[in-house]
N, C-alpha and C. Protein backbone atom coordinates (compact mmCIF):
# COMPACT_ATOMS: atom_id res chain seq x y z
N MET A 1 0.83 -1.15 0.06
CA MET A 1 -0.12 -0.01 0.01
C MET A 1 0.82 1.31 0.02
N THR A 2 0.56 2.26 -0.75
CA THR A 2 1.26 3.44 -0.80
C THR A 2 0.55 4.56 0.06
N LEU A 3 1.31 5.70 0.44
CA LEU A 3 0.76 6.65 1.20
C LEU A 3 -0.57 7.20 0.51
N GLU A 4 -0.60 7.21 -0.66
CA GLU A 4 -1.73 7.91 -1.43
C GLU A 4 -2.94 6.87 -1.08
N GLU A 5 -2.77 5.65 -1.35
CA GLU A 5 -3.74 4.68 -1.04
C GLU A 5 -4.21 4.74 0.29
N LEU A 6 -3.48 4.87 1.32
CA LEU A 6 -3.93 5.03 2.65
C LEU A 6 -4.77 6.09 2.86
N PHE A 7 -4.29 7.38 2.35
CA PHE A 7 -5.11 8.59 2.43
C PHE A 7 -6.57 8.27 1.75
N ASP A 8 -6.48 7.75 0.54
CA ASP A 8 -7.90 7.51 -0.20
C ASP A 8 -8.55 6.64 0.72
N LEU A 9 -8.15 5.54 1.23
CA LEU A 9 -8.96 4.69 2.10
C LEU A 9 -9.48 5.30 3.36
N CYS A 10 -8.69 6.12 4.03
CA CYS A 10 -9.11 6.72 5.36
C CYS A 10 -10.25 7.94 4.91
N LYS A 11 -10.04 8.49 3.87
CA LYS A 11 -10.99 9.51 3.55
C LYS A 11 -12.27 8.76 3.15
N ASP A 12 -12.30 7.64 2.56
CA ASP A 12 -13.57 6.90 2.18
C ASP A 12 -14.13 6.35 3.42
N LEU A 13 -13.43 5.87 4.28
CA LEU A 13 -13.95 5.33 5.67
C LEU A 13 -14.67 6.41 6.42
N GLU A 14 -13.99 7.61 6.63
CA GLU A 14 -14.48 8.74 7.27
C GLU A 14 -15.95 9.32 6.73
N LEU A 15 -16.02 9.29 5.42
CA LEU A 15 -16.99 9.74 4.70
C LEU A 15 -18.10 8.80 4.77
N ARG A 16 -17.89 7.57 4.75
CA ARG A 16 -18.93 6.39 4.85
C ARG A 16 -19.49 6.63 6.40
N GLN A 17 -18.56 6.68 7.31
CA GLN A 17 -18.86 6.80 8.72
C GLN A 17 -19.83 8.12 8.94
N ALA A 18 -19.41 9.27 8.39
CA ALA A 18 -20.24 10.30 8.38
C ALA A 18 -21.67 10.09 7.97
N LYS A 19 -21.80 9.58 6.68
CA LYS A 19 -23.10 9.27 6.12
C LYS A 19 -23.99 8.30 7.03
N LEU A 20 -23.42 7.34 7.67
CA LEU A 20 -23.93 6.40 8.36
C LEU A 20 -24.73 7.21 9.56
N TYR A 21 -23.95 8.04 10.20
CA TYR A 21 -24.43 8.78 11.43
C TYR A 21 -25.55 9.81 10.94
N ALA A 22 -25.23 10.36 9.79
CA ALA A 22 -26.31 11.27 9.24
C ALA A 22 -27.62 10.47 9.10
N SER A 23 -27.49 9.29 8.52
CA SER A 23 -28.78 8.48 8.39
C SER A 23 -29.37 8.15 9.71
N PHE A 24 -28.59 7.88 10.68
CA PHE A 24 -29.27 7.70 12.04
C PHE A 24 -30.28 8.93 12.39
N SER A 25 -29.45 10.07 12.27
CA SER A 25 -30.22 11.28 12.59
C SER A 25 -31.59 11.31 11.87
N LEU A 26 -31.62 10.98 10.55
CA LEU A 26 -32.81 11.03 9.90
C LEU A 26 -33.73 9.94 10.39
N ILE A 27 -33.32 8.93 10.40
CA ILE A 27 -34.14 7.62 10.86
C ILE A 27 -34.77 7.71 12.21
N LEU A 28 -33.89 8.27 13.15
CA LEU A 28 -34.29 8.11 14.53
C LEU A 28 -34.62 9.47 15.04
N GLY A 29 -34.60 10.55 14.30
CA GLY A 29 -34.86 11.81 14.75
C GLY A 29 -36.18 12.14 15.36
N ASP A 30 -37.11 11.20 14.97
CA ASP A 30 -38.55 11.43 15.44
C ASP A 30 -38.78 10.84 16.86
N VAL A 31 -37.62 10.16 17.30
CA VAL A 31 -37.71 9.46 18.57
C VAL A 31 -37.60 10.58 19.66
N ASP A 32 -36.57 11.42 19.47
CA ASP A 32 -36.35 12.52 20.40
C ASP A 32 -35.47 13.48 19.77
N GLU A 33 -35.62 14.83 19.96
CA GLU A 33 -34.76 15.96 19.25
C GLU A 33 -33.39 15.68 19.64
N ARG A 34 -33.25 15.28 20.94
CA ARG A 34 -31.86 15.17 21.49
C ARG A 34 -31.05 14.10 20.81
N ILE A 35 -31.66 12.93 20.39
CA ILE A 35 -31.17 11.93 19.75
C ILE A 35 -30.78 12.34 18.24
N ALA A 36 -31.58 13.03 17.58
CA ALA A 36 -31.39 13.62 16.29
C ALA A 36 -30.08 14.56 16.40
N LYS A 37 -30.05 15.44 17.29
CA LYS A 37 -28.88 16.37 17.35
C LYS A 37 -27.57 15.45 17.66
N PHE A 38 -27.69 14.54 18.51
CA PHE A 38 -26.56 13.63 18.88
C PHE A 38 -25.99 13.11 17.52
N TRP A 39 -26.75 12.48 16.77
CA TRP A 39 -26.22 11.84 15.65
C TRP A 39 -25.78 12.79 14.57
N GLU A 40 -26.30 14.02 14.50
CA GLU A 40 -25.84 15.06 13.67
C GLU A 40 -24.55 15.43 14.12
N ARG A 41 -24.16 15.54 15.42
CA ARG A 41 -23.03 15.89 15.81
C ARG A 41 -21.86 14.77 15.65
N MET A 42 -22.21 13.56 15.80
CA MET A 42 -21.52 12.48 15.43
C MET A 42 -21.05 12.58 13.97
N SER A 43 -22.00 12.76 13.19
CA SER A 43 -21.75 12.85 11.58
C SER A 43 -20.86 14.27 11.29
N ALA A 44 -20.94 15.22 12.02
CA ALA A 44 -20.24 16.36 11.71
C ALA A 44 -18.68 16.02 12.17
N GLU A 45 -18.60 15.37 13.30
CA GLU A 45 -17.19 15.04 13.73
C GLU A 45 -16.53 14.13 12.74
N GLU A 46 -17.25 13.21 12.17
CA GLU A 46 -16.59 12.28 11.15
C GLU A 46 -16.13 13.28 9.86
N TRP A 47 -17.14 14.24 9.57
CA TRP A 47 -16.68 15.02 8.41
C TRP A 47 -15.46 15.91 8.84
N GLN A 48 -15.19 16.28 10.05
CA GLN A 48 -14.03 16.94 10.51
C GLN A 48 -12.84 16.07 10.31
N HIS A 49 -13.04 14.67 10.66
CA HIS A 49 -11.92 14.00 10.43
C HIS A 49 -11.61 13.76 8.99
N TYR A 50 -12.58 13.75 8.12
CA TYR A 50 -12.39 13.68 6.65
C TYR A 50 -11.51 14.93 6.17
N ILE A 51 -11.97 16.03 6.66
CA ILE A 51 -11.35 17.28 6.33
C ILE A 51 -9.70 17.18 6.89
N LEU A 52 -9.53 16.70 8.04
CA LEU A 52 -8.21 16.62 8.47
C LEU A 52 -7.33 15.77 7.64
N VAL A 53 -7.82 14.58 7.15
CA VAL A 53 -7.14 13.77 6.37
C VAL A 53 -6.75 14.43 5.02
N ASP A 54 -7.57 15.23 4.48
CA ASP A 54 -7.39 16.01 3.29
C ASP A 54 -6.34 17.09 3.61
N PHE A 55 -6.31 17.68 4.62
CA PHE A 55 -5.40 18.59 5.20
C PHE A 55 -4.01 17.89 5.18
N GLY A 56 -3.92 16.81 5.89
CA GLY A 56 -2.82 15.87 6.12
C GLY A 56 -2.07 15.37 4.80
N ARG A 57 -3.16 15.13 3.75
CA ARG A 57 -2.61 14.85 2.53
C ARG A 57 -1.61 15.89 2.03
N THR A 58 -2.01 17.10 2.06
CA THR A 58 -1.19 18.08 1.59
C THR A 58 0.21 18.17 2.07
N VAL A 59 0.19 18.15 3.44
CA VAL A 59 1.46 18.14 4.15
C VAL A 59 2.31 17.07 3.84
N CYS A 60 1.76 15.77 3.79
CA CYS A 60 2.63 14.52 3.51
C CYS A 60 2.98 14.50 2.13
N MET A 61 2.30 15.00 1.24
CA MET A 61 2.65 15.17 -0.20
C MET A 61 3.79 16.00 -0.30
N GLU A 62 3.99 17.00 0.31
CA GLU A 62 5.16 17.91 0.25
C GLU A 62 6.37 17.39 0.92
N VAL A 63 6.14 16.57 1.92
CA VAL A 63 7.20 15.92 2.67
C VAL A 63 7.73 14.55 2.19
N PHE A 64 6.71 13.68 1.99
CA PHE A 64 7.05 12.25 1.64
C PHE A 64 6.89 12.01 0.15
N GLY A 65 6.06 12.72 -0.51
CA GLY A 65 5.48 12.14 -1.76
C GLY A 65 4.54 11.15 -1.57
N MET A 66 3.52 11.05 -2.43
CA MET A 66 2.47 10.18 -2.26
C MET A 66 2.72 8.78 -2.68
N ASP A 67 3.86 8.58 -3.44
CA ASP A 67 4.18 7.15 -4.05
C ASP A 67 4.99 6.42 -2.92
N THR A 68 5.09 6.99 -1.86
CA THR A 68 5.82 6.27 -0.76
C THR A 68 5.15 4.94 -0.33
N PRO A 69 5.92 3.86 -0.40
CA PRO A 69 5.25 2.61 -0.07
C PRO A 69 5.28 2.45 1.50
N LEU A 70 4.22 1.91 2.04
CA LEU A 70 4.03 1.77 3.54
C LEU A 70 4.47 0.29 3.72
N HIS A 71 5.07 -0.17 4.74
CA HIS A 71 5.43 -1.50 5.01
C HIS A 71 4.61 -1.99 6.27
N GLN A 72 4.42 -3.16 6.11
CA GLN A 72 3.70 -3.84 7.33
C GLN A 72 4.64 -3.95 8.56
N GLU A 73 3.98 -3.84 9.67
CA GLU A 73 4.77 -4.22 11.08
C GLU A 73 5.36 -5.68 10.89
N GLY A 74 6.69 -5.80 11.22
CA GLY A 74 7.34 -7.06 11.12
C GLY A 74 8.03 -7.12 9.76
N SER A 75 7.84 -6.20 8.90
CA SER A 75 8.63 -6.27 7.73
C SER A 75 10.00 -5.91 7.72
N THR A 76 10.82 -6.34 6.94
CA THR A 76 12.43 -6.18 6.96
C THR A 76 12.48 -4.86 6.29
N GLU A 77 11.63 -4.48 5.36
CA GLU A 77 11.92 -3.17 4.69
C GLU A 77 11.48 -2.00 5.63
N THR A 78 12.05 -0.85 5.86
CA THR A 78 11.63 0.16 6.50
C THR A 78 11.92 1.48 6.03
N SER A 79 11.08 2.44 6.32
CA SER A 79 11.32 3.76 5.84
C SER A 79 11.85 4.63 6.97
N SER A 80 12.85 5.32 6.77
CA SER A 80 13.46 6.05 7.86
C SER A 80 12.55 6.97 8.53
N LEU A 81 11.46 7.51 7.81
CA LEU A 81 10.65 8.42 8.48
C LEU A 81 9.21 8.00 8.97
N ILE A 82 8.65 7.09 7.99
CA ILE A 82 7.25 6.51 8.30
C ILE A 82 7.43 5.30 9.06
N ALA A 83 6.72 5.16 10.09
CA ALA A 83 6.57 3.95 10.92
C ALA A 83 5.75 2.69 10.13
N PRO A 84 6.15 1.51 10.30
CA PRO A 84 5.37 0.50 9.55
C PRO A 84 3.85 0.59 9.92
N ILE A 85 2.97 0.14 8.97
CA ILE A 85 1.45 0.09 9.14
C ILE A 85 1.17 -1.03 9.91
N PRO A 86 0.20 -0.74 10.97
CA PRO A 86 -0.23 -1.74 11.72
C PRO A 86 -0.88 -3.05 10.99
N ASP A 87 -0.92 -3.95 11.47
CA ASP A 87 -1.41 -5.23 10.85
C ASP A 87 -2.86 -5.21 11.23
N ILE A 88 -3.55 -4.72 9.93
CA ILE A 88 -4.96 -4.57 9.96
C ILE A 88 -5.48 -5.31 8.76
N SER A 89 -6.94 -5.51 8.76
CA SER A 89 -7.54 -6.04 7.58
C SER A 89 -8.45 -4.97 7.00
N VAL A 90 -8.06 -4.51 5.99
CA VAL A 90 -8.96 -3.54 5.21
C VAL A 90 -10.15 -4.15 4.87
N GLN A 91 -10.05 -5.35 4.34
CA GLN A 91 -11.20 -6.12 4.01
C GLN A 91 -12.27 -6.35 5.06
N ARG A 92 -11.87 -6.56 6.10
CA ARG A 92 -12.78 -6.69 7.47
C ARG A 92 -13.40 -5.38 7.69
N ILE A 93 -12.64 -4.35 7.54
CA ILE A 93 -13.27 -3.00 7.89
C ILE A 93 -14.23 -2.61 6.86
N THR A 94 -13.97 -2.73 5.48
CA THR A 94 -15.01 -2.41 4.49
C THR A 94 -16.12 -3.34 4.55
N ASP A 95 -15.94 -4.70 4.85
CA ASP A 95 -17.16 -5.60 4.77
C ASP A 95 -18.09 -5.15 6.05
N ALA A 96 -17.47 -4.95 7.21
CA ALA A 96 -18.19 -4.28 8.29
C ALA A 96 -18.99 -3.09 7.95
N LEU A 97 -18.47 -2.15 7.32
CA LEU A 97 -19.24 -0.92 6.81
C LEU A 97 -20.33 -1.31 5.74
N ASP A 98 -19.88 -2.16 4.83
CA ASP A 98 -21.02 -2.72 3.95
C ASP A 98 -22.21 -3.27 4.46
N PHE A 99 -21.98 -4.26 5.67
CA PHE A 99 -22.96 -4.78 6.38
C PHE A 99 -23.78 -3.70 7.08
N HIS A 100 -23.21 -2.90 7.62
CA HIS A 100 -23.85 -1.76 8.42
C HIS A 100 -24.82 -0.96 7.52
N GLU A 101 -24.15 -0.56 6.39
CA GLU A 101 -24.94 0.30 5.32
C GLU A 101 -26.31 -0.52 4.80
N THR A 102 -26.04 -1.82 4.64
CA THR A 102 -27.01 -2.63 4.08
C THR A 102 -28.34 -2.74 5.16
N ARG A 103 -27.86 -2.94 6.50
CA ARG A 103 -28.80 -2.75 7.41
C ARG A 103 -29.64 -1.55 7.47
N ILE A 104 -29.00 -0.65 7.28
CA ILE A 104 -29.69 0.77 7.27
C ILE A 104 -30.61 0.92 6.08
N GLU A 105 -30.19 0.45 4.87
CA GLU A 105 -30.69 0.72 3.68
C GLU A 105 -32.04 -0.27 3.63
N ALA A 106 -32.02 -1.42 4.39
CA ALA A 106 -33.03 -2.38 4.45
C ALA A 106 -34.20 -1.98 5.06
N GLY A 107 -34.18 -1.06 5.93
CA GLY A 107 -35.35 -0.52 6.78
C GLY A 107 -34.92 0.09 7.96
N ARG A 108 -35.98 0.20 8.79
CA ARG A 108 -35.92 1.06 10.03
C ARG A 108 -35.00 0.18 10.87
N ILE A 109 -34.20 0.98 11.65
CA ILE A 109 -33.46 0.18 12.58
C ILE A 109 -33.76 0.95 14.00
N SER A 110 -33.62 0.12 15.09
CA SER A 110 -33.88 0.75 16.50
C SER A 110 -32.77 1.69 16.88
N LEU A 111 -32.96 2.32 17.95
CA LEU A 111 -31.99 3.24 18.49
C LEU A 111 -30.89 2.33 19.07
N ASP A 112 -31.17 1.28 19.89
CA ASP A 112 -30.24 0.40 20.24
C ASP A 112 -29.31 -0.18 19.17
N GLU A 113 -30.07 -0.46 18.04
CA GLU A 113 -29.14 -0.98 16.98
C GLU A 113 -28.22 -0.01 16.47
N ALA A 114 -28.71 1.15 16.29
CA ALA A 114 -27.69 2.45 15.96
C ALA A 114 -26.53 2.43 16.97
N PHE A 115 -26.79 2.38 18.23
CA PHE A 115 -25.69 2.55 19.25
C PHE A 115 -24.90 1.31 18.98
N GLU A 116 -25.39 0.16 18.74
CA GLU A 116 -24.54 -0.98 18.49
C GLU A 116 -23.59 -0.75 17.31
N ILE A 117 -24.06 -0.27 16.32
CA ILE A 117 -23.31 -0.07 14.97
C ILE A 117 -22.24 0.98 15.27
N ALA A 118 -22.47 1.95 16.01
CA ALA A 118 -21.61 3.03 16.34
C ALA A 118 -20.53 2.63 17.28
N ILE A 119 -20.84 1.84 18.29
CA ILE A 119 -19.86 1.30 19.03
C ILE A 119 -18.93 0.40 18.29
N ALA A 120 -19.44 -0.48 17.42
CA ALA A 120 -18.75 -1.44 16.63
C ALA A 120 -17.63 -0.54 15.53
N ILE A 121 -18.24 0.56 15.17
CA ILE A 121 -17.49 1.34 14.34
C ILE A 121 -16.33 2.11 15.06
N GLU A 122 -16.63 2.61 16.08
CA GLU A 122 -15.55 3.44 16.90
C GLU A 122 -14.52 2.55 17.56
N GLY A 123 -14.87 1.36 17.60
CA GLY A 123 -13.75 0.31 18.21
C GLY A 123 -13.22 -0.48 17.16
N SER A 124 -13.56 -0.15 15.95
CA SER A 124 -12.94 -1.03 14.83
C SER A 124 -11.57 -0.58 14.24
N GLU A 125 -11.08 -1.47 13.47
CA GLU A 125 -9.59 -1.17 12.91
C GLU A 125 -9.68 0.10 12.19
N ALA A 126 -10.78 0.66 11.66
CA ALA A 126 -10.85 1.94 10.91
C ALA A 126 -10.22 3.07 11.77
N ASP A 127 -10.39 2.99 13.14
CA ASP A 127 -9.95 3.87 14.09
C ASP A 127 -8.37 3.80 14.08
N THR A 128 -7.84 2.53 13.91
CA THR A 128 -6.42 2.18 13.89
C THR A 128 -5.69 2.89 12.68
N ILE A 129 -6.41 2.84 11.71
CA ILE A 129 -5.96 3.42 10.31
C ILE A 129 -5.99 4.96 10.46
N TYR A 130 -6.91 5.46 11.07
CA TYR A 130 -6.98 6.96 11.33
C TYR A 130 -5.78 7.42 12.29
N MET A 131 -5.59 6.78 13.22
CA MET A 131 -4.58 7.12 14.18
C MET A 131 -3.27 6.92 13.66
N TYR A 132 -2.94 5.79 12.84
CA TYR A 132 -1.75 5.67 12.16
C TYR A 132 -1.58 6.78 11.21
N LEU A 133 -2.51 7.17 10.43
CA LEU A 133 -2.40 8.34 9.68
C LEU A 133 -2.16 9.64 10.33
N LEU A 134 -2.76 9.78 11.48
CA LEU A 134 -2.48 11.00 12.27
C LEU A 134 -0.87 11.06 12.55
N SER A 135 -0.39 9.80 12.84
CA SER A 135 1.07 9.76 13.19
C SER A 135 1.91 10.13 12.17
N ILE A 136 1.49 9.73 10.76
CA ILE A 136 2.33 10.00 9.77
C ILE A 136 2.34 11.68 9.37
N ILE A 137 1.10 12.19 9.60
CA ILE A 137 0.90 13.58 9.49
C ILE A 137 1.65 14.35 10.37
N ARG A 138 1.67 13.90 11.70
CA ARG A 138 2.47 14.38 12.86
C ARG A 138 3.84 14.50 12.33
N GLN A 139 4.47 13.37 11.88
CA GLN A 139 5.88 13.21 11.35
C GLN A 139 6.05 14.16 10.24
N ALA A 140 5.15 14.37 9.23
CA ALA A 140 5.47 15.27 8.13
C ALA A 140 5.38 16.74 8.55
N ILE A 141 4.72 17.02 9.70
CA ILE A 141 4.63 18.36 10.25
C ILE A 141 6.07 18.59 10.92
N LYS A 142 6.52 17.65 11.76
CA LYS A 142 7.91 17.76 12.16
C LYS A 142 8.93 17.92 11.18
N GLU A 143 8.87 17.17 10.12
CA GLU A 143 10.03 17.14 9.04
C GLU A 143 9.85 18.43 8.31
N SER A 144 8.67 19.03 8.14
CA SER A 144 8.53 20.28 7.29
C SER A 144 8.83 21.49 8.24
N ASP A 145 9.25 21.27 9.38
CA ASP A 145 9.68 22.44 10.32
C ASP A 145 8.66 23.56 10.36
N ARG A 146 7.36 23.03 10.52
CA ARG A 146 6.19 23.96 10.71
C ARG A 146 5.45 23.59 12.01
N PRO A 147 6.00 23.66 13.13
CA PRO A 147 5.46 23.26 14.46
C PRO A 147 4.03 24.02 14.64
N PHE A 148 3.76 24.99 14.16
CA PHE A 148 2.44 25.62 14.36
C PHE A 148 1.40 24.75 13.87
N LEU A 149 1.59 23.92 13.01
CA LEU A 149 0.53 23.06 12.36
C LEU A 149 0.16 21.87 13.38
N MET A 150 1.20 21.63 14.35
CA MET A 150 0.83 20.48 15.18
C MET A 150 -0.28 20.94 16.14
N ASN A 151 -0.63 22.08 16.48
CA ASN A 151 -1.67 22.39 17.33
C ASN A 151 -3.12 21.85 16.67
N ARG A 152 -3.14 21.78 15.30
CA ARG A 152 -4.41 21.20 14.68
C ARG A 152 -4.46 19.74 15.03
N ILE A 153 -3.35 18.92 15.16
CA ILE A 153 -3.24 17.58 15.33
C ILE A 153 -3.62 17.41 16.75
N VAL A 154 -3.11 18.08 17.74
CA VAL A 154 -3.41 17.93 19.05
C VAL A 154 -4.88 18.17 19.38
N GLN A 155 -5.41 19.15 18.75
CA GLN A 155 -6.83 19.34 18.91
C GLN A 155 -7.77 18.19 18.30
N VAL A 156 -7.31 17.63 17.21
CA VAL A 156 -8.01 16.57 16.64
C VAL A 156 -8.04 15.21 17.65
N GLU A 157 -6.74 15.22 18.34
CA GLU A 157 -6.69 14.10 19.18
C GLU A 157 -7.60 14.33 20.47
N ARG A 158 -7.89 15.43 20.81
CA ARG A 158 -8.63 15.85 21.89
C ARG A 158 -10.10 15.65 21.55
N ASP A 159 -10.46 16.00 20.43
CA ASP A 159 -11.70 15.79 19.69
C ASP A 159 -12.02 14.31 19.63
N MET A 160 -11.07 13.46 19.31
CA MET A 160 -11.34 12.06 19.21
C MET A 160 -11.82 11.51 20.51
N GLU A 161 -11.11 11.86 21.61
CA GLU A 161 -11.51 11.41 22.95
C GLU A 161 -12.91 11.99 23.20
N SER A 162 -13.26 13.22 22.89
CA SER A 162 -14.48 13.76 23.12
C SER A 162 -15.67 13.01 22.23
N HIS A 163 -15.23 12.67 21.20
CA HIS A 163 -16.16 11.95 20.10
C HIS A 163 -16.64 10.63 20.84
N VAL A 164 -15.71 9.83 21.42
CA VAL A 164 -16.10 8.57 22.00
C VAL A 164 -16.80 8.83 23.17
N ASP A 165 -16.39 9.96 24.01
CA ASP A 165 -17.18 10.12 25.16
C ASP A 165 -18.63 10.49 25.11
N GLY A 166 -18.69 11.24 23.93
CA GLY A 166 -20.11 11.68 23.63
C GLY A 166 -21.11 10.30 23.23
N LEU A 167 -20.33 9.45 22.60
CA LEU A 167 -21.09 8.11 22.25
C LEU A 167 -21.44 7.41 23.49
N VAL A 168 -20.43 7.21 24.43
CA VAL A 168 -20.62 6.59 25.66
C VAL A 168 -21.65 7.11 26.51
N GLN A 169 -21.80 8.66 26.64
CA GLN A 169 -22.74 9.32 27.31
C GLN A 169 -24.03 9.17 26.78
N ALA A 170 -24.09 9.19 25.41
CA ALA A 170 -25.50 9.01 24.77
C ALA A 170 -26.21 7.52 24.96
N THR A 171 -25.16 6.74 24.83
CA THR A 171 -25.58 5.31 25.10
C THR A 171 -26.09 5.03 26.51
N LEU A 172 -25.35 5.58 27.58
CA LEU A 172 -25.89 5.61 29.02
C LEU A 172 -27.20 6.21 28.98
N LYS A 173 -27.46 7.29 28.27
CA LYS A 173 -28.57 7.95 28.53
C LYS A 173 -29.92 7.51 27.70
N PHE A 174 -29.73 6.99 26.41
CA PHE A 174 -30.76 6.48 25.75
C PHE A 174 -30.81 5.06 25.37
N ALA A 175 -29.70 4.11 25.61
CA ALA A 175 -29.85 2.73 25.18
C ALA A 175 -30.66 2.00 26.19
N LYS A 176 -31.35 1.06 25.80
CA LYS A 176 -32.14 0.27 26.80
C LYS A 176 -31.59 -1.23 27.04
N ASP A 177 -30.64 -1.53 26.21
CA ASP A 177 -29.89 -2.74 26.31
C ASP A 177 -28.62 -2.65 27.18
N THR A 178 -28.60 -3.28 28.40
CA THR A 178 -27.50 -3.12 29.35
C THR A 178 -26.19 -3.56 28.65
N SER A 179 -26.34 -4.50 27.83
CA SER A 179 -24.99 -5.09 27.20
C SER A 179 -24.19 -3.84 26.38
N LEU A 180 -25.23 -3.00 25.87
CA LEU A 180 -24.72 -1.97 25.07
C LEU A 180 -23.93 -1.02 26.03
N ILE A 181 -24.49 -0.71 27.03
CA ILE A 181 -23.66 0.18 28.04
C ILE A 181 -22.52 -0.47 28.47
N ARG A 182 -22.39 -1.73 28.71
CA ARG A 182 -21.21 -2.36 29.11
C ARG A 182 -20.14 -2.34 27.84
N LYS A 183 -20.62 -2.38 26.74
CA LYS A 183 -19.79 -2.32 25.43
C LYS A 183 -19.38 -0.78 25.46
N ALA A 184 -20.14 0.09 25.65
CA ALA A 184 -19.61 1.55 25.61
C ALA A 184 -18.61 1.82 26.60
N HIS A 185 -18.74 1.17 27.83
CA HIS A 185 -17.81 1.58 28.84
C HIS A 185 -16.37 0.87 28.41
N ARG A 186 -16.37 -0.22 27.80
CA ARG A 186 -15.23 -1.03 27.32
C ARG A 186 -14.57 -0.12 26.25
N LEU A 187 -15.60 0.40 25.24
CA LEU A 187 -14.91 1.24 24.25
C LEU A 187 -14.16 2.45 24.82
N LYS A 188 -14.84 3.18 25.88
CA LYS A 188 -14.09 4.31 26.49
C LYS A 188 -12.73 3.92 27.15
N GLU A 189 -12.71 2.86 27.75
CA GLU A 189 -11.34 2.20 28.44
C GLU A 189 -10.42 2.08 27.28
N GLU A 190 -10.77 1.52 26.10
CA GLU A 190 -9.86 1.21 24.96
C GLU A 190 -9.31 2.50 24.51
N HIS A 191 -10.02 3.70 24.55
CA HIS A 191 -9.67 4.91 23.95
C HIS A 191 -8.85 5.72 25.07
N ARG A 192 -8.56 5.38 26.22
CA ARG A 192 -7.89 6.14 27.04
C ARG A 192 -6.47 6.16 26.75
């Protein structure tokens, strides 16, 4: 996989997640206005991730070039500047999103099902890709000698924690299935 392919993949994942959350707002908005606003906020935050990925592409293009190959963890080939890509299954990530999108397109889903999907998405390897890409963007900023850009990355990392916290709080407040509440707590622990 090249750096350009990684950026394309991450942008696609963030866009699909934003659309899923926007769909939840439309489908479940009549349950409670607070629920509609929550899903709108989740969607907007995914759009912000999408925009950051695009910002990072520009910085990385200037520093590394987009044809730079990414090596798997454990590979004997290494780049002096870019850490190896974590061992993740892109197919598993896209299959899961396909499954979730199909569920939504097939008909109405319950609020608990929406929380179940969101917890699965936020705890998936898609998050690993995003965080890995942030580390590359961070390295590009360092190499470009433009430390003022780092504030944007630091803010995004804070926003990521707030994004998950918001999901956990909404699950606690609105979910009826106690197993979802336990899953939400585990997700929060994983993101600390």
